[in-house]
N, C-alpha and C. Protein backbone atom coordinates (compact mmCIF):
# COMPACT_ATOMS: atom_id res chain seq x y z
N MET A 1 -15.12 -48.35 21.25
CA MET A 1 -15.46 -49.80 20.52
C MET A 1 -16.23 -50.64 21.82
N THR A 2 -17.63 -51.06 21.28
CA THR A 2 -18.03 -51.74 22.13
C THR A 2 -18.55 -53.29 21.64
N ILE A 3 -18.31 -54.55 22.21
CA ILE A 3 -18.65 -55.66 21.86
C ILE A 3 -20.06 -55.89 22.65
N LEU A 4 -20.77 -56.55 21.85
CA LEU A 4 -21.70 -57.36 22.68
C LEU A 4 -21.99 -58.67 22.47
N VAL A 5 -22.29 -59.57 23.62
CA VAL A 5 -22.14 -60.78 23.24
C VAL A 5 -23.68 -61.09 23.96
N ILE A 6 -24.64 -61.69 23.27
CA ILE A 6 -25.51 -62.44 23.89
C ILE A 6 -25.69 -63.84 23.67
N GLY A 7 -25.74 -64.42 24.79
CA GLY A 7 -25.63 -65.83 24.61
C GLY A 7 -27.15 -66.16 25.49
N TYR A 8 -27.83 -67.26 24.66
CA TYR A 8 -29.12 -67.73 24.80
C TYR A 8 -29.56 -69.20 24.57
N GLY A 9 -30.54 -69.60 24.66
CA GLY A 9 -30.49 -70.76 24.85
C GLY A 9 -31.39 -70.98 26.48
N ASN A 10 -31.70 -72.47 26.50
CA ASN A 10 -32.30 -72.62 27.94
C ASN A 10 -31.68 -73.53 28.90
N SER A 11 -31.18 -72.93 30.22
CA SER A 11 -30.28 -72.99 30.97
C SER A 11 -30.92 -74.90 31.84
N LEU A 12 -32.06 -74.95 31.82
CA LEU A 12 -32.70 -75.75 32.05
C LEU A 12 -32.79 -77.33 31.03
N GLN A 13 -32.38 -76.99 30.13
CA GLN A 13 -32.33 -78.22 28.70
C GLN A 13 -30.74 -78.28 28.45
N SER A 14 -30.04 -79.02 29.78
CA SER A 14 -28.62 -79.37 29.43
C SER A 14 -27.58 -78.68 28.34
N ASP A 15 -27.43 -79.15 27.37
CA ASP A 15 -26.41 -78.36 26.61
C ASP A 15 -27.02 -77.22 26.19
N ASP A 16 -28.27 -76.93 26.02
CA ASP A 16 -28.99 -75.61 25.27
C ASP A 16 -28.52 -74.57 26.44
N GLY A 17 -27.86 -74.53 27.29
CA GLY A 17 -27.72 -73.48 28.44
C GLY A 17 -26.09 -73.18 27.99
N ALA A 18 -25.60 -73.65 27.28
CA ALA A 18 -24.27 -73.20 26.63
C ALA A 18 -24.01 -71.53 26.67
N GLY A 19 -24.98 -71.42 25.91
CA GLY A 19 -24.58 -69.83 25.24
C GLY A 19 -24.76 -69.14 26.45
N GLN A 20 -26.09 -69.13 27.14
CA GLN A 20 -25.93 -68.62 28.53
C GLN A 20 -24.90 -68.82 29.60
N LEU A 21 -24.28 -69.79 29.83
CA LEU A 21 -23.22 -70.00 30.39
C LEU A 21 -21.85 -69.38 29.92
N ILE A 22 -21.52 -68.77 28.65
CA ILE A 22 -20.55 -68.41 28.17
C ILE A 22 -20.93 -66.76 28.39
N ALA A 23 -22.18 -66.43 28.23
CA ALA A 23 -22.12 -65.06 28.46
C ALA A 23 -22.01 -64.67 29.75
N GLN A 24 -22.53 -65.47 31.15
CA GLN A 24 -22.23 -65.31 32.37
C GLN A 24 -20.70 -65.08 32.33
N THR A 25 -19.87 -66.12 31.92
CA THR A 25 -18.35 -66.10 32.10
C THR A 25 -17.72 -65.14 31.54
N ILE A 26 -18.28 -64.05 30.37
CA ILE A 26 -17.72 -63.26 30.05
C ILE A 26 -17.51 -62.04 30.72
N ALA A 27 -19.54 -61.93 31.19
CA ALA A 27 -19.31 -60.78 32.21
C ALA A 27 -18.80 -60.96 33.35
N SER A 28 -18.51 -62.24 33.77
CA SER A 28 -17.43 -61.87 35.30
C SER A 28 -16.17 -61.36 34.92
N TRP A 29 -15.82 -61.23 33.74
CA TRP A 29 -14.53 -60.99 33.44
C TRP A 29 -14.35 -59.19 33.67
N ARG A 30 -15.83 -58.63 33.30
CA ARG A 30 -15.76 -57.13 34.07
C ARG A 30 -15.13 -56.31 32.84
N ASN A 31 -14.82 -56.45 31.49
CA ASN A 31 -14.29 -55.65 30.47
C ASN A 31 -15.17 -54.28 30.24
N PRO A 32 -14.65 -53.53 30.02
CA PRO A 32 -15.54 -52.27 30.16
C PRO A 32 -15.82 -52.23 28.63
N ILE A 33 -15.09 -52.60 27.73
CA ILE A 33 -15.85 -52.84 26.38
C ILE A 33 -16.75 -53.94 25.76
N VAL A 34 -16.87 -54.51 26.72
CA VAL A 34 -18.01 -55.74 26.66
C VAL A 34 -19.43 -55.53 27.39
N ARG A 35 -20.47 -55.84 26.77
CA ARG A 35 -21.45 -55.70 27.28
C ARG A 35 -22.28 -57.25 26.92
N THR A 36 -22.92 -57.96 27.88
CA THR A 36 -23.41 -59.33 27.63
C THR A 36 -24.99 -59.25 27.93
N ARG A 37 -25.69 -59.82 27.40
CA ARG A 37 -26.98 -60.25 27.15
C ARG A 37 -27.13 -62.18 27.62
N ILE A 38 -28.07 -62.19 28.50
CA ILE A 38 -28.35 -63.57 28.54
C ILE A 38 -30.01 -63.48 28.73
N THR A 39 -30.33 -64.73 27.79
CA THR A 39 -31.64 -64.78 27.45
C THR A 39 -32.00 -66.00 26.78
N CYS A 40 -33.22 -66.46 26.97
CA CYS A 40 -33.75 -67.90 26.24
C CYS A 40 -33.91 -67.66 25.00
N ASP A 41 -34.31 -66.67 24.51
CA ASP A 41 -34.81 -66.75 22.96
C ASP A 41 -34.42 -65.26 22.57
N LEU A 42 -33.93 -65.38 21.08
CA LEU A 42 -33.64 -63.71 20.77
C LEU A 42 -35.04 -63.58 20.21
N THR A 43 -35.36 -62.06 20.50
CA THR A 43 -36.66 -61.36 20.80
C THR A 43 -36.01 -59.74 19.99
N PRO A 44 -37.05 -59.03 19.40
CA PRO A 44 -36.80 -57.58 19.10
C PRO A 44 -36.29 -56.66 19.55
N SER A 45 -36.35 -56.93 21.14
CA SER A 45 -36.29 -56.09 22.29
C SER A 45 -34.78 -55.86 22.33
N LEU A 46 -33.79 -56.92 22.05
CA LEU A 46 -32.45 -56.59 21.45
C LEU A 46 -32.20 -55.63 20.63
N VAL A 47 -32.67 -55.26 19.76
CA VAL A 47 -32.15 -54.24 18.46
C VAL A 47 -31.78 -53.17 18.87
N SER A 48 -32.16 -52.37 20.11
CA SER A 48 -31.58 -51.11 20.46
C SER A 48 -30.21 -51.78 20.86
N GLU A 49 -30.01 -52.39 21.64
CA GLU A 49 -28.62 -52.79 22.21
C GLU A 49 -27.70 -53.04 21.36
N ILE A 50 -28.04 -53.95 19.98
CA ILE A 50 -27.59 -54.23 18.87
C ILE A 50 -26.87 -53.21 17.99
N ALA A 51 -27.93 -51.98 18.08
CA ALA A 51 -27.66 -50.77 17.28
C ALA A 51 -26.34 -50.39 18.07
N GLN A 52 -26.34 -50.16 19.12
CA GLN A 52 -25.01 -49.40 19.92
C GLN A 52 -23.73 -50.47 19.70
N ALA A 53 -23.74 -51.23 19.48
CA ALA A 53 -22.69 -52.37 19.59
C ALA A 53 -21.63 -51.94 18.20
N ASN A 54 -20.27 -52.31 18.30
CA ASN A 54 -19.40 -52.22 17.09
C ASN A 54 -19.59 -53.65 16.76
N ILE A 55 -19.56 -54.68 17.60
CA ILE A 55 -19.58 -55.67 17.04
C ILE A 55 -20.56 -56.39 17.95
N VAL A 56 -21.19 -57.38 17.48
CA VAL A 56 -22.33 -58.49 18.03
C VAL A 56 -21.62 -59.60 17.96
N VAL A 57 -22.22 -60.44 18.96
CA VAL A 57 -21.66 -61.82 19.17
C VAL A 57 -22.79 -62.76 19.45
N PHE A 58 -23.51 -63.49 18.85
CA PHE A 58 -24.78 -64.38 19.22
C PHE A 58 -23.79 -66.00 19.57
N VAL A 59 -24.76 -65.96 20.53
CA VAL A 59 -23.88 -67.61 20.67
C VAL A 59 -25.26 -68.50 21.42
N LYS A 60 -25.24 -69.49 20.83
CA LYS A 60 -26.00 -70.66 21.11
C LYS A 60 -25.47 -71.90 20.85
N ALA A 61 -26.33 -73.03 21.63
CA ALA A 61 -25.97 -74.37 21.67
C ALA A 61 -26.59 -74.92 20.48
N MET A 62 -26.01 -75.85 19.40
CA MET A 62 -26.78 -76.32 18.09
C MET A 62 -26.53 -78.06 18.03
N THR A 63 -27.59 -78.05 17.23
CA THR A 63 -27.05 -79.42 16.88
C THR A 63 -26.80 -79.46 15.22
N ILE A 64 -25.26 -80.15 15.20
CA ILE A 64 -24.54 -78.96 14.16
C ILE A 64 -24.30 -80.00 13.31
N SER A 65 -24.60 -79.65 11.97
CA SER A 65 -24.41 -80.16 10.54
C SER A 65 -22.63 -79.65 9.91
N TYR A 66 -22.05 -80.24 9.26
CA TYR A 66 -20.59 -79.93 9.40
C TYR A 66 -20.58 -79.74 7.79
N SER A 67 -21.95 -79.39 6.92
CA SER A 67 -21.73 -78.72 5.68
C SER A 67 -21.52 -77.78 5.75
N THR A 68 -22.04 -76.54 6.81
CA THR A 68 -22.08 -75.40 6.18
C THR A 68 -20.68 -74.72 6.06
N GLU A 69 -20.47 -73.31 5.84
CA GLU A 69 -19.34 -73.00 5.50
C GLU A 69 -19.05 -71.99 6.66
N THR A 70 -17.87 -72.10 7.44
CA THR A 70 -17.73 -71.09 8.35
C THR A 70 -16.66 -70.28 8.50
N THR A 71 -16.44 -69.56 9.16
CA THR A 71 -15.23 -68.71 9.38
C THR A 71 -14.31 -69.83 9.83
N ASN A 72 -14.45 -70.50 11.21
CA ASN A 72 -13.45 -71.33 11.77
C ASN A 72 -14.40 -72.61 12.28
N SER A 73 -14.25 -73.41 12.12
CA SER A 73 -14.35 -74.77 12.71
C SER A 73 -13.44 -75.98 12.88
N SER A 74 -13.76 -76.82 13.32
CA SER A 74 -13.02 -77.71 13.81
C SER A 74 -14.26 -79.17 14.28
N GLU A 75 -14.08 -80.18 13.55
CA GLU A 75 -14.90 -81.40 13.37
C GLU A 75 -15.36 -81.64 14.62
N GLY A 76 -16.70 -81.59 15.16
CA GLY A 76 -17.29 -81.82 16.43
C GLY A 76 -16.95 -80.94 17.29
N GLY A 77 -16.58 -79.76 17.19
CA GLY A 77 -16.05 -78.27 17.75
C GLY A 77 -17.18 -77.12 17.34
N LEU A 78 -16.95 -76.13 18.01
CA LEU A 78 -17.25 -74.81 17.53
C LEU A 78 -17.15 -74.64 16.11
N GLN A 79 -18.53 -73.83 15.99
CA GLN A 79 -18.75 -73.26 13.95
C GLN A 79 -18.60 -71.64 14.69
N VAL A 80 -18.19 -71.16 13.94
CA VAL A 80 -18.23 -69.66 13.74
C VAL A 80 -18.49 -69.07 12.29
N HIS A 81 -19.89 -68.03 12.32
CA HIS A 81 -20.23 -67.83 11.19
C HIS A 81 -20.18 -66.41 11.17
N LEU A 82 -20.31 -65.88 10.15
CA LEU A 82 -20.23 -64.53 9.82
C LEU A 82 -21.96 -64.23 10.00
N VAL A 83 -22.99 -63.23 10.22
CA VAL A 83 -24.26 -62.88 9.91
C VAL A 83 -24.40 -61.47 9.71
N SER A 84 -25.31 -61.71 8.29
CA SER A 84 -25.87 -60.39 7.84
C SER A 84 -27.15 -60.21 7.95
N PRO A 85 -27.58 -59.05 7.73
CA PRO A 85 -29.31 -58.80 7.56
C PRO A 85 -29.68 -59.89 6.56
N GLN A 86 -31.06 -60.44 6.93
CA GLN A 86 -31.77 -61.38 6.06
C GLN A 86 -32.83 -60.29 5.15
N GLN A 87 -32.78 -60.59 3.93
CA GLN A 87 -33.46 -60.01 3.02
C GLN A 87 -35.27 -60.78 2.99
N ALA A 88 -35.73 -60.70 3.66
CA ALA A 88 -36.88 -61.84 3.62
C ALA A 88 -38.33 -61.16 3.98
N ASP A 89 -39.23 -61.38 3.81
CA ASP A 89 -40.69 -61.12 3.90
C ASP A 89 -40.66 -60.46 5.55
N ASP A 90 -41.82 -59.88 5.84
CA ASP A 90 -41.83 -58.92 7.29
C ASP A 90 -42.94 -60.08 8.17
N GLN A 91 -42.79 -61.27 7.86
CA GLN A 91 -43.55 -62.45 8.86
C GLN A 91 -42.73 -62.72 9.78
N TRP A 92 -42.07 -61.85 10.47
CA TRP A 92 -41.59 -62.39 11.96
C TRP A 92 -42.56 -62.91 13.25
N GLY A 93 -41.99 -63.80 13.77
CA GLY A 93 -42.59 -64.15 15.14
C GLY A 93 -42.05 -63.18 16.22
N HIS A 94 -42.50 -63.98 17.16
CA HIS A 94 -42.03 -63.33 18.63
C HIS A 94 -40.41 -63.72 18.51
N HIS A 95 -39.85 -64.75 18.07
CA HIS A 95 -38.73 -65.29 18.45
C HIS A 95 -37.75 -65.30 16.65
N CYS A 96 -36.73 -64.49 16.91
CA CYS A 96 -36.03 -64.25 15.72
C CYS A 96 -34.69 -65.33 15.78
N THR A 97 -33.88 -65.18 14.48
CA THR A 97 -32.88 -65.50 14.20
C THR A 97 -31.92 -64.24 14.32
N PRO A 98 -30.37 -64.32 14.36
CA PRO A 98 -29.60 -62.90 14.54
C PRO A 98 -29.61 -62.22 13.11
N GLN A 99 -30.05 -63.02 11.72
CA GLN A 99 -30.06 -62.34 10.91
C GLN A 99 -31.79 -61.58 10.70
N VAL A 100 -32.77 -61.87 11.52
CA VAL A 100 -33.84 -61.10 11.64
C VAL A 100 -33.65 -59.66 12.38
N LEU A 101 -32.50 -59.84 13.50
CA LEU A 101 -32.75 -58.86 14.21
C LEU A 101 -31.71 -57.65 13.80
N LEU A 102 -30.31 -58.11 12.83
CA LEU A 102 -29.68 -57.30 12.14
C LEU A 102 -30.42 -56.68 11.22
N THR A 103 -31.49 -57.25 10.58
CA THR A 103 -32.73 -56.59 9.62
C THR A 103 -33.31 -55.60 10.39
N LEU A 104 -34.11 -55.97 11.33
CA LEU A 104 -34.67 -54.97 12.16
C LEU A 104 -33.54 -54.00 12.77
N THR A 105 -32.62 -54.05 13.02
CA THR A 105 -31.23 -53.10 13.54
C THR A 105 -31.35 -51.93 12.55
N GLN A 106 -30.95 -52.69 11.18
CA GLN A 106 -30.60 -51.34 10.09
C GLN A 106 -31.99 -51.00 10.15
N ARG A 107 -33.12 -51.42 9.82
CA ARG A 107 -34.42 -50.83 9.20
C ARG A 107 -34.75 -49.61 10.71
N LEU A 108 -34.67 -49.84 11.47
CA LEU A 108 -34.88 -48.92 12.85
C LEU A 108 -34.03 -47.88 13.00
N TYR A 109 -32.85 -48.45 12.76
CA TYR A 109 -31.65 -47.67 13.25
C TYR A 109 -31.08 -46.80 12.14
N ASN A 110 -31.01 -47.59 11.20
CA ASN A 110 -30.23 -47.33 9.97
C ASN A 110 -28.70 -47.12 10.33
N ILE A 111 -28.35 -48.49 10.70
CA ILE A 111 -26.94 -48.76 11.55
C ILE A 111 -27.09 -50.59 11.39
N LEU A 112 -25.93 -50.80 11.64
CA LEU A 112 -25.43 -51.88 11.57
C LEU A 112 -23.97 -51.90 12.66
N PRO A 113 -23.62 -53.53 13.25
CA PRO A 113 -22.92 -53.35 13.80
C PRO A 113 -21.76 -53.60 12.79
N GLN A 114 -20.03 -52.99 12.86
CA GLN A 114 -18.78 -53.45 11.79
C GLN A 114 -18.79 -55.04 11.50
N LYS A 115 -19.28 -55.82 12.82
CA LYS A 115 -19.49 -57.08 12.27
C LYS A 115 -20.26 -57.74 13.21
N SER A 116 -20.53 -59.31 12.78
CA SER A 116 -21.67 -59.50 13.73
C SER A 116 -21.28 -61.18 13.22
N TYR A 117 -21.20 -61.88 14.69
CA TYR A 117 -20.86 -63.34 14.33
C TYR A 117 -21.83 -64.25 15.13
N TRP A 118 -21.72 -65.74 14.66
CA TRP A 118 -22.76 -66.23 15.63
C TRP A 118 -22.02 -67.41 15.63
N PHE A 119 -21.41 -67.78 17.20
CA PHE A 119 -21.33 -68.95 17.63
C PHE A 119 -22.09 -70.01 17.78
N TRP A 120 -21.90 -71.25 16.97
CA TRP A 120 -22.48 -72.63 17.08
C TRP A 120 -22.11 -73.22 18.23
N ILE A 121 -22.20 -73.47 19.55
CA ILE A 121 -21.61 -74.41 20.35
C ILE A 121 -22.24 -75.95 20.13
N PRO A 122 -21.50 -77.08 19.76
CA PRO A 122 -21.98 -78.28 19.51
C PRO A 122 -22.86 -78.45 20.61
N GLY A 123 -23.92 -79.16 20.41
CA GLY A 123 -25.15 -79.35 21.23
C GLY A 123 -25.58 -80.98 21.28
N TYR A 124 -25.45 -81.99 22.21
CA TYR A 124 -25.78 -83.07 21.60
C TYR A 124 -27.15 -83.71 22.52
N ASP A 125 -27.01 -83.12 23.82
CA ASP A 125 -27.93 -83.37 25.02
C ASP A 125 -29.07 -82.01 25.55
N PHE A 126 -30.25 -81.92 24.72
CA PHE A 126 -31.12 -81.60 25.28
C PHE A 126 -32.41 -81.61 26.28
N ASP A 127 -32.07 -82.81 26.94
CA ASP A 127 -32.96 -83.38 27.81
C ASP A 127 -33.17 -82.25 29.06
N PHE A 128 -34.25 -82.56 29.73
CA PHE A 128 -34.15 -81.52 30.89
C PHE A 128 -32.96 -82.07 32.00
N GLY A 129 -32.27 -80.86 32.41
CA GLY A 129 -31.03 -80.74 33.31
C GLY A 129 -30.52 -80.23 33.20
N GLU A 130 -29.49 -79.38 34.13
CA GLU A 130 -28.45 -78.85 34.04
C GLU A 130 -26.87 -78.48 33.75
N GLN A 131 -26.54 -80.38 33.32
CA GLN A 131 -25.29 -80.36 32.98
C GLN A 131 -24.50 -80.42 31.45
N LEU A 132 -23.93 -79.94 31.25
CA LEU A 132 -23.30 -79.82 30.29
C LEU A 132 -22.35 -81.10 29.53
N SER A 133 -22.47 -81.91 28.43
CA SER A 133 -21.88 -83.08 28.07
C SER A 133 -20.66 -82.52 27.56
N THR A 134 -19.70 -83.99 27.91
CA THR A 134 -18.41 -83.33 27.65
C THR A 134 -18.00 -82.88 26.57
N LEU A 135 -19.09 -83.35 25.60
CA LEU A 135 -18.31 -82.38 24.28
C LEU A 135 -18.82 -80.89 24.12
N THR A 136 -19.92 -80.68 24.72
CA THR A 136 -20.36 -79.20 24.54
C THR A 136 -19.65 -78.34 25.83
N GLN A 137 -19.11 -78.83 26.53
CA GLN A 137 -18.32 -78.55 27.58
C GLN A 137 -16.62 -77.51 27.03
N GLN A 138 -16.34 -78.52 26.13
CA GLN A 138 -15.20 -78.50 25.05
C GLN A 138 -15.45 -77.56 24.15
N GLY A 139 -16.86 -77.05 23.47
CA GLY A 139 -17.02 -76.10 22.59
C GLY A 139 -17.11 -75.02 23.55
N VAL A 140 -17.72 -75.03 24.51
CA VAL A 140 -17.64 -73.82 25.74
C VAL A 140 -16.02 -73.22 25.66
N GLN A 141 -15.49 -74.27 25.75
CA GLN A 141 -13.76 -73.46 26.41
C GLN A 141 -13.28 -72.96 25.23
N GLN A 142 -13.57 -73.73 23.73
CA GLN A 142 -13.05 -73.13 22.66
C GLN A 142 -13.50 -72.02 22.32
N ALA A 143 -14.77 -71.64 22.48
CA ALA A 143 -15.95 -70.45 22.31
C ALA A 143 -15.35 -69.07 23.39
N LEU A 144 -14.60 -69.51 24.80
CA LEU A 144 -14.08 -68.68 25.17
C LEU A 144 -12.75 -68.32 24.86
N THR A 145 -12.24 -69.21 24.32
CA THR A 145 -10.84 -68.54 23.92
C THR A 145 -11.12 -67.69 22.89
N GLN A 146 -11.64 -68.14 21.76
CA GLN A 146 -11.77 -67.17 21.06
C GLN A 146 -12.56 -65.64 21.24
N LEU A 147 -13.52 -66.24 22.15
CA LEU A 147 -14.12 -64.42 22.61
C LEU A 147 -12.81 -63.69 22.90
N SER A 148 -11.97 -64.27 24.14
CA SER A 148 -10.83 -63.68 24.55
C SER A 148 -10.33 -62.81 23.60
N GLU A 149 -9.65 -63.66 22.20
CA GLU A 149 -8.88 -63.32 21.58
C GLU A 149 -9.52 -62.01 20.84
N LEU A 150 -10.63 -62.05 20.39
CA LEU A 150 -11.67 -61.15 19.84
C LEU A 150 -11.64 -60.01 20.56
N ILE A 151 -11.90 -60.40 21.93
CA ILE A 151 -11.96 -58.57 22.68
C ILE A 151 -10.54 -58.07 23.10
N ARG A 152 -9.33 -59.01 23.12
CA ARG A 152 -7.93 -58.45 23.24
C ARG A 152 -7.73 -57.79 21.94
N SER A 153 -8.02 -58.17 20.53
CA SER A 153 -7.59 -57.48 19.46
C SER A 153 -8.24 -56.29 19.48
N HIS A 154 -9.59 -56.48 19.58
CA HIS A 154 -10.24 -55.08 19.65
C HIS A 154 -9.91 -54.06 20.69
N GLU A 155 -9.66 -54.26 22.39
CA GLU A 155 -8.94 -53.56 23.09
C GLU A 155 -7.60 -53.27 22.44
N GLN A 156 -6.70 -53.75 21.88
CA GLN A 156 -6.08 -52.99 21.66
C GLN A 156 -5.86 -52.00 20.26
N LYS A 157 -6.88 -52.32 19.65
CA LYS A 157 -7.56 -51.29 17.94
C LYS A 157 -7.85 -49.98 19.03
N SER A 158 -8.51 -50.22 20.06
CA SER A 158 -9.06 -49.00 20.64
C SER A 158 -8.30 -48.15 21.65
N LYS A 159 -7.06 -48.78 21.85
CA LYS A 159 -6.08 -47.85 22.49
C LYS A 159 -5.42 -47.11 21.76
N PRO A 160 -5.40 -45.60 22.52
CA PRO A 160 -4.82 -44.70 21.47
C PRO A 160 -3.66 -44.47 21.49
N ARG A 161 -2.67 -44.58 20.35
CA ARG A 161 -1.16 -44.72 19.94
C ARG A 161 -0.98 -43.20 19.69
N LEU A 162 -0.53 -42.88 20.56
CA LEU A 162 0.31 -41.62 20.80
C LEU A 162 1.60 -41.76 20.57
N LYS A 163 2.12 -40.37 19.49
CA LYS A 163 3.64 -40.27 19.08
C LYS A 163 3.86 -39.04 20.11
N ALA A 164 4.67 -39.48 20.82
CA ALA A 164 5.33 -38.03 21.47
C ALA A 164 7.04 -38.21 21.58
N GLU A 165 7.52 -37.18 21.68
CA GLU A 165 8.78 -36.79 21.53
C GLU A 165 9.26 -36.93 23.09
N THR A 166 10.31 -36.92 23.35
CA THR A 166 10.98 -36.80 24.81
C THR A 166 11.58 -35.32 24.89
N ILE A 167 11.08 -34.98 25.83
CA ILE A 167 11.43 -33.67 26.19
C ILE A 167 12.88 -33.82 26.96
N SER A 168 14.16 -32.80 26.67
CA SER A 168 15.26 -32.91 27.65
C SER A 168 15.26 -31.64 27.88
């Protein structure tokens, strides 16, 4: 069971660096079932890694509108979306969305991760700088908590459960 966390955004544009910060933090946990990728943009070069993952989590700071359905949200905080392949034309540029990457993964490898999530970290300040706003810092903490729970739940599923009898 492997989990791939892709943190993306521009770390030199204040809150836009939240996705990268989350991926860096998760990488520091050194969990053997988790792989991380830190990048400025989503590009087709990520497809081979996505094809090898059971679960993929895309993490990005976004200016959030609260009219969309989510799997988990709190007003002003983190939003978590389930993501599936995009059924659209083949006019994709160099920069992609998670849906496009899943479509490419399916077309090239005939496989998809069991689950794909898109974590939207609330972003407010996208000016040049390296500091996160207070509300984005709170979103980062919410995301790390949820990702920790996701990882823990999949660690427990992947551990072998052996039935053994006591020998006397």
